[in-house]
Every structure is written in structure tokens, then in C-alpha cells.
Amino acid sequence: MNKDTYQNMALINAYRMDGLGNNFLIIDKRQDSLEINKNKIIDLVNKKILPFDQIITLEKVEENIYPIKIFNPDGIEVTACGNGARCIAYLISQENKQKKILIKTKERILNAEIINKQSVKINMGKPKFGWEEIPLSKNMNTKQISIDLLDKEYGYGFCLNIGNPHIVFFVKDCSKINIKELGPKIENYRFFPERINVTFAQILNKENIKVNVWERGAGQTKACGTAACATAIAASVKGLVDKNSNIHFGEGNLKIEYKEEIFMSGSVSEVKKINLDI
């Protein structure tokens, strides 16, 4: 067997993890120069062997900083994934027995800390509110975005950037929203040149919010860390909740603390190591 054939048949170290049902396929590239491109990702999706919300590649370590790249199932690289970063932090902590980990995304460096068994807290940095920072296609009031394809009952959207763009709508009952119909329409609306993540949020009380989330390039997901951050901040700015709030998903909740910077805490799954043939 020649060297090239052997390389083509080699199995890659990978891991399966999730944060509150938000599923990740983590590919370890620290010792491997395997190229992960759009076609490879779409091929993995089409095989339907390993369903995932995002693929995260763990890149070569840079002076105790762990760089990652994040890809949606459509093969497009994205700039942030809060639950994914928390999973990476837990994975590294299991390897190195360290409680504090620095993770580098395309957009910022995140400080993560292991709080207790399978509970991870991460500093997501500062939110961005400027229309160019989100980004929007033109200058408009980012706290009061009107989308003409929505009925008046959905009200105005609140736009902000948490390392990636989000719009949040506050409604009476988020579980009644047909997000599979509305999500892609809003995601690809003309105001959003880089598309957008969509959340319909329901205020339960001053400390708790329930959400229904559509992620750009991924669809409806069981949980989304940056959507939790965006929702908590939008609700706080609007005076609907306190500075600290719990964002409730179907399989658990994330605690968001907002002190200029955003701190997100919640549980992650155990690490499942697999061999991936790509």
C-alpha cells in the first residue's frame, strides 16, 4: 500500500459533545493538517451518520491559547458558538486537568472556567450594538427593527452582535411560533448581509426567559449559547429582566450575567471520543 493510499484511509481523532442538546462534532487538528472544506462538511451531513449542529475544529495550540474554527452544516465558517466553546473548554480541562482555558475564535479570545463537574462558565466578551457592527444593510434603530413579512403580533426585533449577528423578538408564547417557516425567511431577509440568527423569546419573570431559536445555516436547534446571550441582553436593555437571567431551552438552561461583558454558565455533556473517516 503506497503512502498516499494509506493517508486517504487514515482515521481522524474526533469527539462528540453537546451543550443542552446543542450537538457538536469536534475534529482534532492539533496533530493533523487535514483540510476541512465546505464539500467535506456537506458530505458528512449527507451521510447522516453523525448528526451535528456545528463542526468545530481544534487547531494547533498557540502559547496556551486554543484556537478553534466553527462551521455550520451548510459548510460556512461562522465566528462564534458559545456552547461549542464551553464544550471545547471542558474537553481541554479533561486532558490537562486545568480549570481555566483560553479559547481563540475567529472574532475574539474567550476566557473559560470549569465551575464544577461538567459545568463551564465562559466570558463571551462585550456585545456590539452598532448597525455596522451587527451588521445591517443600512443605518437603522437596532433596538426596533421592523420586518414587513411578519405580522404585527410579533412586534419589533432587537438586533445585536455576540460575535455573530442576532435578532430577538419578544412574544407571549414562543412555543407557538412556527420557527421552521419564519426562521429562514428572517435569516435571509434583506436587512442582514451576513444572514442572522433568530430568537423568539418569552419572558417568564424578571429572572427567566424561554426561547425558540433558529440558527443561520443550521436551522432550529435545541440550544444556542450566543442566542441565550443576545436574548438576555436585549431583555435587560429593554427593562424586561434583571442584569442576570436564566435562558430556558428544552433540555436545560443557561445562566447569563451581564456586566459590560457577558458571562455564560451551564452544563455540557461528557466527552465521547470517536474515529472519523473523512
C-alpha atoms as a PDB file:
ATOM      1  CA  MET A   1       0.000   0.000   0.000  1.00  0.00           C
ATOM      2  CA  ASN A   2       1.553   3.313  -1.000  1.00  0.00           C
ATOM      3  CA  LYS A   3       1.767   6.286   1.324  1.00  0.00           C
ATOM      4  CA  ASP A   4      -0.976   8.320  -0.382  1.00  0.00           C
ATOM      5  CA  THR A   5      -3.458   5.455  -0.228  1.00  0.00           C
ATOM      6  CA  TYR A   6      -2.705   4.943   3.456  1.00  0.00           C
ATOM      7  CA  GLN A   7      -3.240   8.636   4.176  1.00  0.00           C
ATOM      8  CA  ASN A   8      -6.562   8.596   2.351  1.00  0.00           C
ATOM      9  CA  MET A   9      -7.721   5.715   4.539  1.00  0.00           C
ATOM     10  CA  ALA A  10      -6.469   7.217   7.830  1.00  0.00           C
ATOM     11  CA  LEU A  11      -8.961   7.828  10.614  1.00  0.00           C
ATOM     12  CA  ILE A  12      -9.042  11.246  12.262  1.00  0.00           C
ATOM     13  CA  ASN A  13      -9.391  11.762  16.007  1.00  0.00           C
ATOM     14  CA  ALA A  14     -12.715  13.396  16.768  1.00  0.00           C
ATOM     15  CA  TYR A  15     -15.169  13.873  19.611  1.00  0.00           C
ATOM     16  CA  ARG A  16     -18.921  14.108  20.116  1.00  0.00           C
ATOM     17  CA  MET A  17     -20.233  16.558  22.699  1.00  0.00           C
ATOM     18  CA  ASP A  18     -23.305  18.657  23.343  1.00  0.00           C
ATOM     19  CA  GLY A  19     -24.378  21.605  25.455  1.00  0.00           C
ATOM     20  CA  LEU A  20     -28.051  21.218  26.433  1.00  0.00           C
ATOM     21  CA  GLY A  21     -28.705  19.191  23.287  1.00  0.00           C
ATOM     22  CA  ASN A  22     -26.749  21.568  21.023  1.00  0.00           C
ATOM     23  CA  ASN A  23     -24.695  18.890  19.198  1.00  0.00           C
ATOM     24  CA  PHE A  24     -21.081  19.266  18.106  1.00  0.00           C
ATOM     25  CA  LEU A  25     -18.677  17.202  16.084  1.00  0.00           C
ATOM     26  CA  ILE A  26     -15.194  18.232  17.236  1.00  0.00           C
ATOM     27  CA  ILE A  27     -12.309  17.392  14.899  1.00  0.00           C
ATOM     28  CA  ASP A  28      -8.853  17.395  16.464  1.00  0.00           C
ATOM     29  CA  LYS A  29      -6.401  19.053  14.073  1.00  0.00           C
ATOM     30  CA  ARG A  30      -3.683  19.774  16.624  1.00  0.00           C
ATOM     31  CA  GLN A  31      -1.514  16.991  15.212  1.00  0.00           C
ATOM     32  CA  ASP A  32      -3.055  16.783  11.749  1.00  0.00           C
ATOM     33  CA  SER A  33      -3.108  19.174   8.803  1.00  0.00           C
ATOM     34  CA  LEU A  34      -6.328  17.770   7.341  1.00  0.00           C
ATOM     35  CA  GLU A  35      -8.203  20.387   5.342  1.00  0.00           C
ATOM     36  CA  ILE A  36     -11.852  20.831   6.339  1.00  0.00           C
ATOM     37  CA  ASN A  37     -13.727  22.478   3.499  1.00  0.00           C
ATOM     38  CA  LYS A  38     -17.341  23.096   2.551  1.00  0.00           C
ATOM     39  CA  ASN A  39     -17.599  19.952   0.411  1.00  0.00           C
ATOM     40  CA  LYS A  40     -16.294  17.689   3.206  1.00  0.00           C
ATOM     41  CA  ILE A  41     -18.801  19.139   5.663  1.00  0.00           C
ATOM     42  CA  ILE A  42     -21.745  18.791   3.303  1.00  0.00           C
ATOM     43  CA  ASP A  43     -20.641  15.220   2.560  1.00  0.00           C
ATOM     44  CA  LEU A  44     -20.697  14.430   6.296  1.00  0.00           C
ATOM     45  CA  VAL A  45     -24.178  15.944   6.556  1.00  0.00           C
ATOM     46  CA  ASN A  46     -25.429  13.890   3.616  1.00  0.00           C
ATOM     47  CA  LYS A  47     -24.093  10.643   5.108  1.00  0.00           C
ATOM     48  CA  LYS A  48     -26.350  11.235   8.156  1.00  0.00           C
ATOM     49  CA  ILE A  49     -24.103   9.035  10.273  1.00  0.00           C
ATOM     50  CA  LEU A  50     -23.160  11.736  12.778  1.00  0.00           C
ATOM     51  CA  PRO A  51     -25.840  14.425  13.076  1.00  0.00           C
ATOM     52  CA  PHE A  52     -24.480  17.749  14.336  1.00  0.00           C
ATOM     53  CA  ASP A  53     -25.445  21.400  14.676  1.00  0.00           C
ATOM     54  CA  GLN A  54     -21.867  22.579  14.143  1.00  0.00           C
ATOM     55  CA  ILE A  55     -18.460  21.162  13.329  1.00  0.00           C
ATOM     56  CA  ILE A  56     -15.649  22.598  15.439  1.00  0.00           C
ATOM     57  CA  THR A  57     -12.023  22.075  14.506  1.00  0.00           C
ATOM     58  CA  LEU A  58      -9.444  22.242  17.286  1.00  0.00           C
ATOM     59  CA  GLU A  59      -6.387  23.895  15.737  1.00  0.00           C
ATOM     60  CA  LYS A  60      -2.711  23.895  16.772  1.00  0.00           C
ATOM     61  CA  VAL A  61      -2.142  25.407  20.219  1.00  0.00           C
ATOM     62  CA  GLU A  62      -0.685  28.936  20.360  1.00  0.00           C
ATOM     63  CA  GLU A  63       1.104  29.555  23.689  1.00  0.00           C
ATOM     64  CA  ASN A  64      -1.604  28.021  25.884  1.00  0.00           C
ATOM     65  CA  ILE A  65      -4.369  29.508  23.742  1.00  0.00           C
ATOM     66  CA  TYR A  66      -6.607  27.005  21.948  1.00  0.00           C
ATOM     67  CA  PRO A  67      -7.735  28.257  18.520  1.00  0.00           C
ATOM     68  CA  ILE A  68     -10.943  26.813  17.066  1.00  0.00           C
ATOM     69  CA  LYS A  69     -12.844  27.133  13.807  1.00  0.00           C
ATOM     70  CA  ILE A  70     -16.615  26.736  13.679  1.00  0.00           C
ATOM     71  CA  PHE A  71     -18.636  25.540  10.691  1.00  0.00           C
ATOM     72  CA  ASN A  72     -22.389  25.234  10.203  1.00  0.00           C
ATOM     73  CA  PRO A  73     -23.874  22.214   8.384  1.00  0.00           C
ATOM     74  CA  ASP A  74     -24.061  24.286   5.185  1.00  0.00           C
ATOM     75  CA  GLY A  75     -20.251  24.384   5.230  1.00  0.00           C
ATOM     76  CA  ILE A  76     -19.976  28.100   6.007  1.00  0.00           C
ATOM     77  CA  GLU A  77     -17.491  29.145   8.685  1.00  0.00           C
ATOM     78  CA  VAL A  78     -19.016  31.258  11.468  1.00  0.00           C
ATOM     79  CA  THR A  79     -17.411  33.491  14.057  1.00  0.00           C
ATOM     80  CA  ALA A  80     -18.908  32.367  17.369  1.00  0.00           C
ATOM     81  CA  CYS A  81     -20.535  29.452  19.178  1.00  0.00           C
ATOM     82  CA  GLY A  82     -20.948  29.812  22.939  1.00  0.00           C
ATOM     83  CA  ASN A  83     -21.998  26.244  23.720  1.00  0.00           C
ATOM     84  CA  GLY A  84     -19.308  24.888  21.416  1.00  0.00           C
ATOM     85  CA  ALA A  85     -16.639  26.954  23.153  1.00  0.00           C
ATOM     86  CA  ARG A  86     -17.835  25.664  26.537  1.00  0.00           C
ATOM     87  CA  CYS A  87     -17.571  22.092  25.235  1.00  0.00           C
ATOM     88  CA  ILE A  88     -14.033  22.728  23.979  1.00  0.00           C
ATOM     89  CA  ALA A  89     -13.076  24.161  27.383  1.00  0.00           C
ATOM     90  CA  TYR A  90     -14.352  21.033  29.127  1.00  0.00           C
ATOM     91  CA  LEU A  91     -12.533  18.778  26.655  1.00  0.00           C
ATOM     92  CA  ILE A  92      -9.231  20.599  27.272  1.00  0.00           C
ATOM     93  CA  SER A  93      -9.788  20.550  31.033  1.00  0.00           C
ATOM     94  CA  GLN A  94     -10.244  16.774  30.938  1.00  0.00           C
ATOM     95  CA  GLU A  95      -6.969  16.398  29.039  1.00  0.00           C
ATOM     96  CA  ASN A  96      -4.824  18.795  31.044  1.00  0.00           C
ATOM     97  CA  LYS A  97      -6.559  18.893  34.441  1.00  0.00           C
ATOM     98  CA  GLN A  98      -6.716  22.690  34.264  1.00  0.00           C
ATOM     99  CA  LYS A  99      -9.682  24.793  35.326  1.00  0.00           C
ATOM    100  CA  LYS A 100      -9.048  27.925  33.251  1.00  0.00           C
ATOM    101  CA  ILE A 101      -8.743  27.774  29.467  1.00  0.00           C
ATOM    102  CA  LEU A 102      -8.284  30.433  26.775  1.00  0.00           C
ATOM    103  CA  ILE A 103     -10.110  29.750  23.510  1.00  0.00           C
ATOM    104  CA  LYS A 104      -9.497  31.760  20.349  1.00  0.00           C
ATOM    105  CA  THR A 105     -12.315  32.124  17.832  1.00  0.00           C
ATOM    106  CA  LYS A 106     -12.208  33.997  14.551  1.00  0.00           C
ATOM    107  CA  GLU A 107     -13.606  37.074  16.281  1.00  0.00           C
ATOM    108  CA  ARG A 108     -12.249  37.129  19.862  1.00  0.00           C
ATOM    109  CA  ILE A 109     -10.435  35.307  22.687  1.00  0.00           C
ATOM    110  CA  LEU A 110     -12.736  33.725  25.273  1.00  0.00           C
ATOM    111  CA  ASN A 111     -11.863  33.040  28.907  1.00  0.00           C
ATOM    112  CA  ALA A 112     -13.462  29.816  30.151  1.00  0.00           C
ATOM    113  CA  GLU A 113     -13.517  28.294  33.622  1.00  0.00           C
ATOM    114  CA  ILE A 114     -14.632  24.891  34.857  1.00  0.00           C
ATOM    115  CA  ILE A 115     -17.021  25.605  37.765  1.00  0.00           C
ATOM    116  CA  ASN A 116     -17.685  22.030  38.827  1.00  0.00           C
ATOM    117  CA  LYS A 117     -18.226  18.675  37.171  1.00  0.00           C
ATOM    118  CA  GLN A 118     -19.478  19.313  33.614  1.00  0.00           C
ATOM    119  CA  SER A 119     -20.385  22.937  34.363  1.00  0.00           C
ATOM    120  CA  VAL A 120     -18.496  25.595  32.407  1.00  0.00           C
ATOM    121  CA  LYS A 121     -18.530  29.385  32.674  1.00  0.00           C
ATOM    122  CA  ILE A 122     -17.262  31.484  29.798  1.00  0.00           C
ATOM    123  CA  ASN A 123     -16.681  35.186  29.236  1.00  0.00           C
ATOM    124  CA  MET A 124     -18.207  35.922  25.838  1.00  0.00           C
ATOM    125  CA  GLY A 125     -16.837  39.479  25.720  1.00  0.00           C
ATOM    126  CA  LYS A 126     -18.775  42.658  25.011  1.00  0.00           C
ATOM    127  CA  PRO A 127     -21.905  42.823  22.859  1.00  0.00           C
ATOM    128  CA  LYS A 128     -21.960  45.138  19.856  1.00  0.00           C
ATOM    129  CA  PHE A 129     -24.985  47.305  19.148  1.00  0.00           C
ATOM    130  CA  GLY A 130     -23.927  49.453  16.161  1.00  0.00           C
ATOM    131  CA  TRP A 131     -25.702  48.778  12.870  1.00  0.00           C
ATOM    132  CA  GLU A 132     -22.373  48.382  11.051  1.00  0.00           C
ATOM    133  CA  GLU A 133     -21.054  46.018  13.733  1.00  0.00           C
ATOM    134  CA  ILE A 134     -24.036  43.635  13.612  1.00  0.00           C
ATOM    135  CA  PRO A 135     -24.026  44.154  10.544  1.00  0.00           C
ATOM    136  CA  LEU A 136     -27.198  45.570   8.998  1.00  0.00           C
ATOM    137  CA  SER A 137     -27.531  46.662   5.383  1.00  0.00           C
ATOM    138  CA  LYS A 138     -28.207  50.298   6.350  1.00  0.00           C
ATOM    139  CA  ASN A 139     -28.346  52.654   9.311  1.00  0.00           C
ATOM    140  CA  MET A 140     -31.470  51.995  11.386  1.00  0.00           C
ATOM    141  CA  ASN A 141     -32.589  51.743  15.006  1.00  0.00           C
ATOM    142  CA  THR A 142     -31.106  48.400  16.002  1.00  0.00           C
ATOM    143  CA  LYS A 143     -33.420  48.104  19.023  1.00  0.00           C
ATOM    144  CA  GLN A 144     -36.552  48.428  16.926  1.00  0.00           C
ATOM    145  CA  ILE A 145     -36.242  46.529  13.652  1.00  0.00           C
ATOM    146  CA  SER A 146     -39.460  46.175  11.669  1.00  0.00           C
ATOM    147  CA  ILE A 147     -39.651  43.260   9.234  1.00  0.00           C
ATOM    148  CA  ASP A 148     -42.539  43.575   6.803  1.00  0.00           C
ATOM    149  CA  LEU A 149     -43.080  39.851   6.276  1.00  0.00           C
ATOM    150  CA  LEU A 150     -44.041  39.436   9.959  1.00  0.00           C
ATOM    151  CA  ASP A 151     -47.492  40.080  11.414  1.00  0.00           C
ATOM    152  CA  LYS A 152     -47.795  42.952  13.918  1.00  0.00           C
ATOM    153  CA  GLU A 153     -48.225  40.460  16.776  1.00  0.00           C
ATOM    154  CA  TYR A 154     -44.508  39.644  16.581  1.00  0.00           C
ATOM    155  CA  GLY A 155     -43.572  43.257  17.235  1.00  0.00           C
ATOM    156  CA  TYR A 156     -40.135  44.710  16.594  1.00  0.00           C
ATOM    157  CA  GLY A 157     -36.851  42.830  16.585  1.00  0.00           C
ATOM    158  CA  PHE A 158     -33.835  43.790  18.681  1.00  0.00           C
ATOM    159  CA  CYS A 159     -30.529  43.332  16.815  1.00  0.00           C
ATOM    160  CA  LEU A 160     -27.053  42.947  18.307  1.00  0.00           C
ATOM    161  CA  ASN A 161     -23.812  41.061  17.761  1.00  0.00           C
ATOM    162  CA  ILE A 162     -22.414  38.470  20.213  1.00  0.00           C
ATOM    163  CA  GLY A 163     -19.504  37.517  17.980  1.00  0.00           C
ATOM    164  CA  ASN A 164     -22.219  36.734  15.417  1.00  0.00           C
ATOM    165  CA  PRO A 165     -25.414  38.589  14.405  1.00  0.00           C
ATOM    166  CA  HIS A 166     -28.713  38.064  16.240  1.00  0.00           C
ATOM    167  CA  ILE A 167     -32.258  39.369  16.165  1.00  0.00           C
ATOM    168  CA  VAL A 168     -34.598  38.781  19.119  1.00  0.00           C
ATOM    169  CA  PHE A 169     -38.387  39.083  19.138  1.00  0.00           C
ATOM    170  CA  PHE A 170     -40.333  39.084  22.410  1.00  0.00           C
ATOM    171  CA  VAL A 171     -43.650  37.254  22.175  1.00  0.00           C
ATOM    172  CA  LYS A 172     -46.348  35.924  24.530  1.00  0.00           C
ATOM    173  CA  ASP A 173     -45.731  32.240  23.756  1.00  0.00           C
ATOM    174  CA  CYS A 174     -42.549  31.296  21.900  1.00  0.00           C
ATOM    175  CA  SER A 175     -43.563  27.630  21.627  1.00  0.00           C
ATOM    176  CA  LYS A 176     -46.410  28.582  19.286  1.00  0.00           C
ATOM    177  CA  ILE A 177     -44.055  30.195  16.774  1.00  0.00           C
ATOM    178  CA  ASN A 178     -43.624  28.216  13.561  1.00  0.00           C
ATOM    179  CA  ILE A 179     -39.896  28.840  13.534  1.00  0.00           C
ATOM    180  CA  LYS A 180     -39.235  26.392  10.683  1.00  0.00           C
ATOM    181  CA  GLU A 181     -41.321  28.667   8.478  1.00  0.00           C
ATOM    182  CA  LEU A 182     -40.327  32.079   9.832  1.00  0.00           C
ATOM    183  CA  GLY A 183     -36.693  31.321  10.722  1.00  0.00           C
ATOM    184  CA  PRO A 184     -35.244  31.003   7.213  1.00  0.00           C
ATOM    185  CA  LYS A 185     -37.264  33.974   5.953  1.00  0.00           C
ATOM    186  CA  ILE A 186     -35.869  36.239   8.664  1.00  0.00           C
ATOM    187  CA  GLU A 187     -32.369  34.733   8.457  1.00  0.00           C
ATOM    188  CA  ASN A 188     -32.137  35.688   4.782  1.00  0.00           C
ATOM    189  CA  TYR A 189     -34.038  38.989   4.983  1.00  0.00           C
ATOM    190  CA  ARG A 190     -32.615  41.915   3.029  1.00  0.00           C
ATOM    191  CA  PHE A 191     -31.521  43.821   6.163  1.00  0.00           C
ATOM    192  CA  PHE A 192     -28.922  41.170   7.021  1.00  0.00           C
ATOM    193  CA  PRO A 193     -25.951  40.961   4.604  1.00  0.00           C
ATOM    194  CA  GLU A 194     -24.328  38.123   6.603  1.00  0.00           C
ATOM    195  CA  ARG A 195     -27.675  36.485   7.416  1.00  0.00           C
ATOM    196  CA  ILE A 196     -28.777  36.380  11.050  1.00  0.00           C
ATOM    197  CA  ASN A 197     -29.650  34.115  13.976  1.00  0.00           C
ATOM    198  CA  VAL A 198     -33.291  34.382  15.009  1.00  0.00           C
ATOM    199  CA  THR A 199     -34.784  34.037  18.500  1.00  0.00           C
ATOM    200  CA  PHE A 200     -38.391  34.275  19.662  1.00  0.00           C
ATOM    201  CA  ALA A 201     -38.314  34.863  23.415  1.00  0.00           C
ATOM    202  CA  GLN A 202     -40.972  34.615  26.117  1.00  0.00           C
ATOM    203  CA  ILE A 203     -40.495  36.476  29.417  1.00  0.00           C
ATOM    204  CA  LEU A 204     -41.480  34.185  32.305  1.00  0.00           C
ATOM    205  CA  ASN A 205     -40.492  36.605  35.083  1.00  0.00           C
ATOM    206  CA  LYS A 206     -37.694  39.062  35.953  1.00  0.00           C
ATOM    207  CA  GLU A 207     -35.107  36.278  36.034  1.00  0.00           C
ATOM    208  CA  ASN A 208     -36.277  33.690  33.500  1.00  0.00           C
ATOM    209  CA  ILE A 209     -36.819  33.640  29.741  1.00  0.00           C
ATOM    210  CA  LYS A 210     -37.923  30.800  27.477  1.00  0.00           C
ATOM    211  CA  VAL A 211     -36.686  30.760  23.873  1.00  0.00           C
ATOM    212  CA  ASN A 212     -37.243  29.218  20.457  1.00  0.00           C
ATOM    213  CA  VAL A 213     -34.135  29.551  18.266  1.00  0.00           C
ATOM    214  CA  TRP A 214     -33.311  29.372  14.573  1.00  0.00           C
ATOM    215  CA  GLU A 215     -29.566  29.367  13.764  1.00  0.00           C
ATOM    216  CA  ARG A 216     -28.333  30.662  10.440  1.00  0.00           C
ATOM    217  CA  GLY A 217     -27.011  27.813   8.336  1.00  0.00           C
ATOM    218  CA  ALA A 218     -28.124  25.204  10.885  1.00  0.00           C
ATOM    219  CA  GLY A 219     -31.883  25.594  11.350  1.00  0.00           C
ATOM    220  CA  GLN A 220     -33.854  25.030  14.539  1.00  0.00           C
ATOM    221  CA  THR A 221     -31.576  23.933  17.370  1.00  0.00           C
ATOM    222  CA  LYS A 222     -32.244  22.620  20.861  1.00  0.00           C
ATOM    223  CA  ALA A 223     -29.932  25.249  22.352  1.00  0.00           C
ATOM    224  CA  CYS A 224     -27.692  28.123  21.273  1.00  0.00           C
ATOM    225  CA  GLY A 225     -25.259  29.895  23.579  1.00  0.00           C
ATOM    226  CA  THR A 226     -24.924  33.154  21.671  1.00  0.00           C
ATOM    227  CA  ALA A 227     -28.716  33.313  21.254  1.00  0.00           C
ATOM    228  CA  ALA A 228     -29.043  32.962  25.026  1.00  0.00           C
ATOM    229  CA  CYS A 229     -26.620  35.862  25.487  1.00  0.00           C
ATOM    230  CA  ALA A 230     -28.371  38.001  22.877  1.00  0.00           C
ATOM    231  CA  THR A 231     -31.780  37.338  24.429  1.00  0.00           C
ATOM    232  CA  ALA A 232     -30.670  38.116  27.981  1.00  0.00           C
ATOM    233  CA  ILE A 233     -29.017  41.367  26.929  1.00  0.00           C
ATOM    234  CA  ALA A 234     -31.885  42.515  24.725  1.00  0.00           C
ATOM    235  CA  ALA A 235     -34.349  41.795  27.541  1.00  0.00           C
ATOM    236  CA  SER A 236     -32.132  43.603  30.077  1.00  0.00           C
ATOM    237  CA  VAL A 237     -31.701  46.674  27.866  1.00  0.00           C
ATOM    238  CA  LYS A 238     -35.476  46.796  27.357  1.00  0.00           C
ATOM    239  CA  GLY A 239     -36.026  46.544  31.117  1.00  0.00           C
ATOM    240  CA  LEU A 240     -37.876  43.234  30.881  1.00  0.00           C
ATOM    241  CA  VAL A 241     -35.486  41.303  33.159  1.00  0.00           C
ATOM    242  CA  ASP A 242     -32.653  41.944  35.608  1.00  0.00           C
ATOM    243  CA  LYS A 243     -28.977  42.045  34.622  1.00  0.00           C
ATOM    244  CA  ASN A 244     -28.695  38.327  35.395  1.00  0.00           C
ATOM    245  CA  SER A 245     -31.203  35.886  33.919  1.00  0.00           C
ATOM    246  CA  ASN A 246     -31.730  32.237  33.052  1.00  0.00           C
ATOM    247  CA  ILE A 247     -32.449  31.300  29.451  1.00  0.00           C
ATOM    248  CA  HIS A 248     -34.523  28.129  29.211  1.00  0.00           C
ATOM    249  CA  PHE A 249     -34.178  25.553  26.436  1.00  0.00           C
ATOM    250  CA  GLY A 250     -35.883  22.182  26.150  1.00  0.00           C
ATOM    251  CA  GLU A 251     -33.032  20.302  27.867  1.00  0.00           C
ATOM    252  CA  GLY A 252     -31.917  22.832  30.459  1.00  0.00           C
ATOM    253  CA  ASN A 253     -30.962  26.433  30.968  1.00  0.00           C
ATOM    254  CA  LEU A 254     -28.012  28.786  30.651  1.00  0.00           C
ATOM    255  CA  LYS A 255     -27.282  31.461  33.242  1.00  0.00           C
ATOM    256  CA  ILE A 256     -26.321  34.810  31.717  1.00  0.00           C
ATOM    257  CA  GLU A 257     -24.643  37.571  33.730  1.00  0.00           C
ATOM    258  CA  TYR A 258     -24.221  40.931  32.035  1.00  0.00           C
ATOM    259  CA  LYS A 259     -21.575  43.306  33.448  1.00  0.00           C
ATOM    260  CA  GLU A 260     -20.421  45.179  30.326  1.00  0.00           C
ATOM    261  CA  GLU A 261     -19.034  41.790  29.327  1.00  0.00           C
ATOM    262  CA  ILE A 262     -21.218  38.690  29.072  1.00  0.00           C
ATOM    263  CA  PHE A 263     -20.702  35.649  31.281  1.00  0.00           C
ATOM    264  CA  MET A 264     -22.494  32.422  30.374  1.00  0.00           C
ATOM    265  CA  SER A 265     -22.672  29.329  32.591  1.00  0.00           C
ATOM    266  CA  GLY A 266     -24.201  25.923  32.034  1.00  0.00           C
ATOM    267  CA  SER A 267     -23.654  22.201  31.751  1.00  0.00           C
ATOM    268  CA  VAL A 268     -22.006  20.215  28.964  1.00  0.00           C
ATOM    269  CA  SER A 269     -22.023  16.508  28.162  1.00  0.00           C
ATOM    270  CA  GLU A 270     -19.222  14.087  28.791  1.00  0.00           C
ATOM    271  CA  VAL A 271     -16.644  13.726  26.006  1.00  0.00           C
ATOM    272  CA  LYS A 272     -17.174  10.840  23.601  1.00  0.00           C
ATOM    273  CA  LYS A 273     -14.086  10.041  21.553  1.00  0.00           C
ATOM    274  CA  ILE A 274     -14.632   8.648  18.057  1.00  0.00           C
ATOM    275  CA  ASN A 275     -12.621   7.903  14.929  1.00  0.00           C
ATOM    276  CA  LEU A 276     -13.807   9.847  11.921  1.00  0.00           C
ATOM    277  CA  ASP A 277     -13.166   8.664   8.375  1.00  0.00           C
ATOM    278  CA  ILE A 278     -13.150  11.663   6.053  1.00  0.00           C
END
